[in-house]
Amino acid sequence: MNLLAFDTSTDRMSVAVQRVDAAAPHPVWQYSGAGGAQTSSQLIPTIQRLMAQAGLQFADLDTIAFGCGPGSFTGLRTACAVAQGLAFGAHLTVLPIDTLLALAEEARFQQASTLAHWQVLALLDARMDEMYAADYVFDSGKWTQAKGCRLIRAEELRSEADCPLAGNVFASYGARLPGAAPRIEALPTASALLRLAPALLAAGAAVAPEQALPLYIRDKVAKTTLERATEKAAR
């Protein structure tokens, strides 16, 4: 499959293009760099550059995969808008993929796990002293979600002692997380989206461009002045 994938749900922007062609010197072109405020101005030029390197036109793609959330509100809106615009223009479908699933896949790939059965708890920093969390099981080459995405504080996390924790939360919340579980630093990446895409496409997860929508778990993006003052007084 010829695929474009990108994730802008965190402070890193990750983009990858896959071309399955005997004439291609290698199958994947990818980029990872600063995201955040730079994403809106850098995402499309980065996509165009990688597509040119791969020798692909947008009409050559089978679909466009993107991290749909949870994550940064601005980053998710940017990803959805770009996926929609490119897909409409090239008459393509889009493939929204949960960012926590992409994180779980990236952690598995980092560990070079050969286990037929592997469980992981994926964690993304949600700011405001909270984390996004979801439990996944990898079994016989397929991922399933054991427990759905939720928004929690570090002290509320419950996991099995031998179940790895994967994500970007350890610098901020590490001292408050369960101490016995193995920890894997990981982020959702475009290359993880590429690895997940075939099974998801086979399962019928591709949708029309107008359904490229962000997955929000939190509907509040900032604390009020009173909330901040109350927390400050409590400290």
Protein backbone atom coordinates (compact mmCIF):
# COMPACT_ATOMS: atom_id res chain seq x y z
CA MET A 1 0.00 0.00 0.00
CA ASN A 2 1.00 3.60 -0.62
CA LEU A 3 0.25 5.44 2.59
CA LEU A 4 0.68 8.89 4.14
CA ALA A 5 0.61 9.02 7.95
CA PHE A 6 1.10 11.81 10.46
CA ASP A 7 0.63 12.49 14.15
CA THR A 8 0.58 15.94 15.76
CA SER A 9 -1.10 15.05 19.05
CA THR A 10 1.96 15.89 21.20
CA ASP A 11 4.79 18.43 21.14
CA ARG A 12 6.45 16.29 18.43
CA MET A 13 5.36 16.27 14.80
CA SER A 14 5.79 12.90 13.09
CA VAL A 15 5.20 12.29 9.37
CA ALA A 16 5.84 9.21 7.21
CA VAL A 17 5.18 8.15 3.64
CA GLN A 18 5.20 4.51 2.57
CA ARG A 19 5.59 3.45 -1.04
CA VAL A 20 5.34 -0.19 -1.97
CA ASP A 21 7.06 -0.29 -5.33
CA ALA A 22 9.90 -2.42 -6.64
CA ALA A 23 11.48 0.71 -8.13
CA ALA A 24 11.55 2.57 -4.79
CA PRO A 25 15.01 2.62 -3.13
CA HIS A 26 13.39 2.07 0.27
CA PRO A 27 9.75 1.76 1.33
CA VAL A 28 9.39 4.50 3.97
CA TRP A 29 10.36 8.17 4.15
CA GLN A 30 9.83 9.79 7.53
CA TYR A 31 10.39 12.93 9.57
CA SER A 32 10.16 13.75 13.27
CA GLY A 33 10.64 17.21 14.69
CA ALA A 34 9.24 19.96 16.88
CA GLY A 35 5.48 20.22 16.88
CA GLY A 36 3.31 22.41 19.06
CA ALA A 37 3.00 25.94 17.69
CA GLN A 38 5.09 25.05 14.63
CA THR A 39 2.79 22.27 13.45
CA SER A 40 0.30 24.45 11.58
CA SER A 41 3.03 26.02 9.44
CA GLN A 42 5.30 22.97 9.03
CA LEU A 43 3.01 19.99 8.55
CA ILE A 44 1.95 20.55 4.93
CA PRO A 45 5.46 21.50 3.66
CA THR A 46 6.86 18.41 5.40
CA ILE A 47 4.22 16.19 3.80
CA GLN A 48 4.93 17.69 0.38
CA ARG A 49 8.67 17.13 0.79
CA LEU A 50 8.31 13.48 1.80
CA MET A 51 5.79 12.80 -0.96
CA ALA A 52 8.25 14.26 -3.48
CA GLN A 53 11.08 12.13 -2.08
CA ALA A 54 8.88 9.05 -2.41
CA GLY A 55 7.92 10.01 -5.96
CA LEU A 56 4.23 9.90 -5.16
CA GLN A 57 1.28 12.10 -6.01
CA PHE A 58 -1.59 12.31 -3.52
CA ALA A 59 -3.81 10.45 -5.99
CA ASP A 60 -1.37 7.52 -5.76
CA LEU A 61 -2.17 6.98 -2.07
CA ASP A 62 -4.49 4.27 -0.82
CA THR A 63 -5.50 6.32 2.22
CA ILE A 64 -4.29 8.97 4.67
CA ALA A 65 -3.75 7.79 8.26
CA PHE A 66 -3.59 10.27 11.11
CA GLY A 67 -3.55 10.31 14.90
CA CYS A 68 -7.05 11.42 15.87
CA GLY A 69 -6.54 11.76 19.62
CA PRO A 70 -6.60 12.13 22.46
CA GLY A 71 -3.90 14.77 22.71
CA SER A 72 -3.23 18.45 22.14
CA PHE A 73 -6.41 20.25 21.10
CA THR A 74 -4.59 22.39 18.53
CA GLY A 75 -2.56 19.48 17.23
CA LEU A 76 -5.62 17.29 16.76
CA ARG A 77 -7.55 19.99 14.94
CA THR A 78 -4.57 20.58 12.65
CA ALA A 79 -4.25 16.86 11.85
CA CYS A 80 -7.96 16.52 11.10
CA ALA A 81 -8.04 19.63 8.90
CA VAL A 82 -5.00 18.58 6.88
CA ALA A 83 -6.23 14.99 6.48
CA GLN A 84 -9.63 16.26 5.36
CA GLY A 85 -8.26 18.78 2.89
CA LEU A 86 -5.78 16.41 1.27
CA ALA A 87 -8.31 13.56 1.10
CA PHE A 88 -11.03 15.72 -0.44
CA GLY A 89 -8.61 17.03 -3.05
CA ALA A 90 -7.34 13.56 -4.04
CA HIS A 91 -10.68 11.71 -3.59
CA LEU A 92 -9.28 9.48 -0.85
CA THR A 93 -10.54 7.96 2.38
CA VAL A 94 -8.95 8.77 5.73
CA LEU A 95 -7.94 6.42 8.52
CA PRO A 96 -8.30 7.93 12.02
CA ILE A 97 -6.15 6.00 14.53
CA ASP A 98 -6.23 6.45 18.30
CA THR A 99 -3.02 8.08 19.46
CA LEU A 100 -2.82 5.83 22.53
CA LEU A 101 -2.96 2.77 20.29
CA ALA A 102 -0.14 4.26 18.19
CA LEU A 103 1.80 4.85 21.40
CA ALA A 104 1.28 1.23 22.46
CA GLU A 105 2.50 0.00 19.06
CA GLU A 106 5.57 2.25 19.22
CA ALA A 107 6.42 0.88 22.68
CA ARG A 108 6.07 -2.70 21.41
CA PHE A 109 8.29 -1.91 18.42
CA GLN A 110 10.94 -0.28 20.64
CA GLN A 111 11.08 -3.38 22.79
CA ALA A 112 11.41 -5.60 19.71
CA SER A 113 8.91 -7.83 21.48
CA THR A 114 8.63 -11.32 20.00
CA LEU A 115 5.98 -12.36 22.51
CA ALA A 116 2.77 -13.65 20.97
CA HIS A 117 0.89 -12.04 23.88
CA TRP A 118 1.86 -8.63 25.28
CA GLN A 119 -0.06 -6.14 27.43
CA VAL A 120 0.71 -2.45 27.92
CA LEU A 121 -0.83 0.58 29.61
CA ALA A 122 -0.45 3.61 27.33
CA LEU A 123 -0.17 7.02 29.01
CA LEU A 124 -0.07 10.51 27.48
CA ASP A 125 0.43 13.73 29.41
CA ALA A 126 -2.87 15.62 29.31
CA ARG A 127 -1.48 18.64 31.24
CA MET A 128 -3.45 20.17 34.11
CA ASP A 129 -2.02 17.40 36.35
CA GLU A 130 -3.83 14.65 34.43
CA MET A 131 -3.03 11.84 32.01
CA TYR A 132 -4.82 10.05 29.20
CA ALA A 133 -4.70 6.31 29.78
CA ALA A 134 -5.81 3.18 27.90
CA ASP A 135 -4.99 -0.54 28.23
CA TYR A 136 -4.10 -2.62 25.18
CA VAL A 137 -3.34 -6.28 24.52
CA PHE A 138 -1.29 -7.51 21.57
CA ASP A 139 -2.16 -11.12 20.82
CA SER A 140 -1.22 -13.20 17.77
CA GLY A 141 -0.39 -10.13 15.72
CA LYS A 142 -3.51 -8.13 16.59
CA TRP A 143 -4.22 -5.28 19.02
CA THR A 144 -7.35 -5.08 21.17
CA GLN A 145 -8.31 -2.46 23.70
CA ALA A 146 -8.70 -4.04 27.13
CA LYS A 147 -9.85 -0.86 28.85
CA GLY A 148 -11.02 2.30 27.14
CA CYS A 149 -9.40 5.71 27.17
CA ARG A 150 -9.92 7.77 30.31
CA LEU A 151 -8.61 10.93 31.92
CA ILE A 152 -7.00 10.32 35.33
CA ARG A 153 -4.56 11.68 37.87
CA ALA A 154 -1.36 9.78 38.56
CA GLU A 155 -2.60 8.58 41.96
CA GLU A 156 -5.68 7.05 40.35
CA LEU A 157 -3.70 4.74 38.07
CA ARG A 158 -4.25 1.04 38.66
CA SER A 159 -2.25 -1.59 36.80
CA GLU A 160 -0.87 -5.08 37.19
CA ALA A 161 2.63 -5.17 38.65
CA ASP A 162 4.17 -6.74 35.56
CA CYS A 163 2.21 -4.69 32.99
CA PRO A 164 4.55 -2.14 31.33
CA LEU A 165 3.67 1.54 31.43
CA ALA A 166 4.45 3.36 28.16
CA GLY A 167 4.25 7.05 27.36
CA ASN A 168 5.62 10.53 28.04
CA VAL A 169 4.39 11.02 31.61
CA PHE A 170 7.35 9.81 33.67
CA ALA A 171 9.24 13.11 33.95
CA SER A 172 6.15 14.91 35.25
CA TYR A 173 4.34 12.20 37.22
CA GLY A 174 6.85 9.37 37.64
CA ALA A 175 7.17 9.62 41.43
CA ARG A 176 3.39 9.29 41.78
CA LEU A 177 2.97 6.23 39.50
CA PRO A 178 3.05 2.58 40.61
CA GLY A 179 6.69 1.76 41.33
CA ALA A 180 6.92 -1.91 40.32
CA ALA A 181 5.75 -1.70 36.69
CA PRO A 182 8.35 -1.49 33.87
CA ARG A 183 8.43 1.92 32.15
CA ILE A 184 8.93 2.64 28.46
CA GLU A 185 9.41 6.18 27.13
CA ALA A 186 7.35 6.39 23.96
CA LEU A 187 5.22 8.70 21.83
CA PRO A 188 2.71 8.02 19.05
CA THR A 189 4.62 8.10 15.75
CA ALA A 190 3.77 8.11 12.06
CA SER A 191 5.73 4.88 11.57
CA ALA A 192 3.53 3.22 14.22
CA LEU A 193 0.48 4.42 12.27
CA LEU A 194 1.89 2.79 9.13
CA ARG A 195 2.30 -0.52 10.94
CA LEU A 196 -1.24 -0.35 12.33
CA ALA A 197 -2.90 0.74 9.08
CA PRO A 198 -3.16 -2.58 7.18
CA ALA A 199 -5.11 -4.40 9.90
CA LEU A 200 -7.36 -1.39 10.51
CA LEU A 201 -8.06 -0.99 6.79
CA ALA A 202 -8.87 -4.68 6.54
CA ALA A 203 -11.30 -4.21 9.43
CA GLY A 204 -13.09 -1.40 7.56
CA ALA A 205 -11.86 1.50 9.71
CA ALA A 206 -11.30 3.90 6.79
CA VAL A 207 -13.91 6.66 6.55
CA ALA A 208 -14.91 9.51 4.25
CA PRO A 209 -12.93 12.77 4.63
CA GLU A 210 -15.79 14.57 6.37
CA GLN A 211 -15.52 12.03 9.18
CA ALA A 212 -11.92 13.00 9.97
CA LEU A 213 -12.84 14.14 13.47
CA PRO A 214 -10.74 14.58 16.63
CA LEU A 215 -11.19 12.28 19.61
CA TYR A 216 -11.53 14.54 22.65
CA ILE A 217 -11.57 12.99 26.11
CA ARG A 218 -11.47 16.30 27.93
CA ASP A 219 -13.76 19.21 27.08
CA LYS A 220 -11.91 21.71 29.24
CA VAL A 221 -8.56 23.11 28.11
CA ALA A 222 -7.60 25.49 30.90
CA LYS A 223 -8.24 26.19 34.56
CA THR A 224 -10.06 29.32 35.66
CA THR A 225 -8.29 32.10 37.55
CA LEU A 226 -10.15 31.05 40.72
CA GLU A 227 -9.07 27.40 40.30
CA ARG A 228 -5.44 28.40 39.86
CA ALA A 229 -5.58 30.72 42.88
CA THR A 230 -7.16 27.99 45.02
CA GLU A 231 -4.46 25.49 44.06
CA LYS A 232 -1.74 28.05 44.76
CA ALA A 233 -3.19 28.79 48.19
CA ALA A 234 -3.41 25.07 48.97
CA ARG A 235 0.27 24.58 48.10
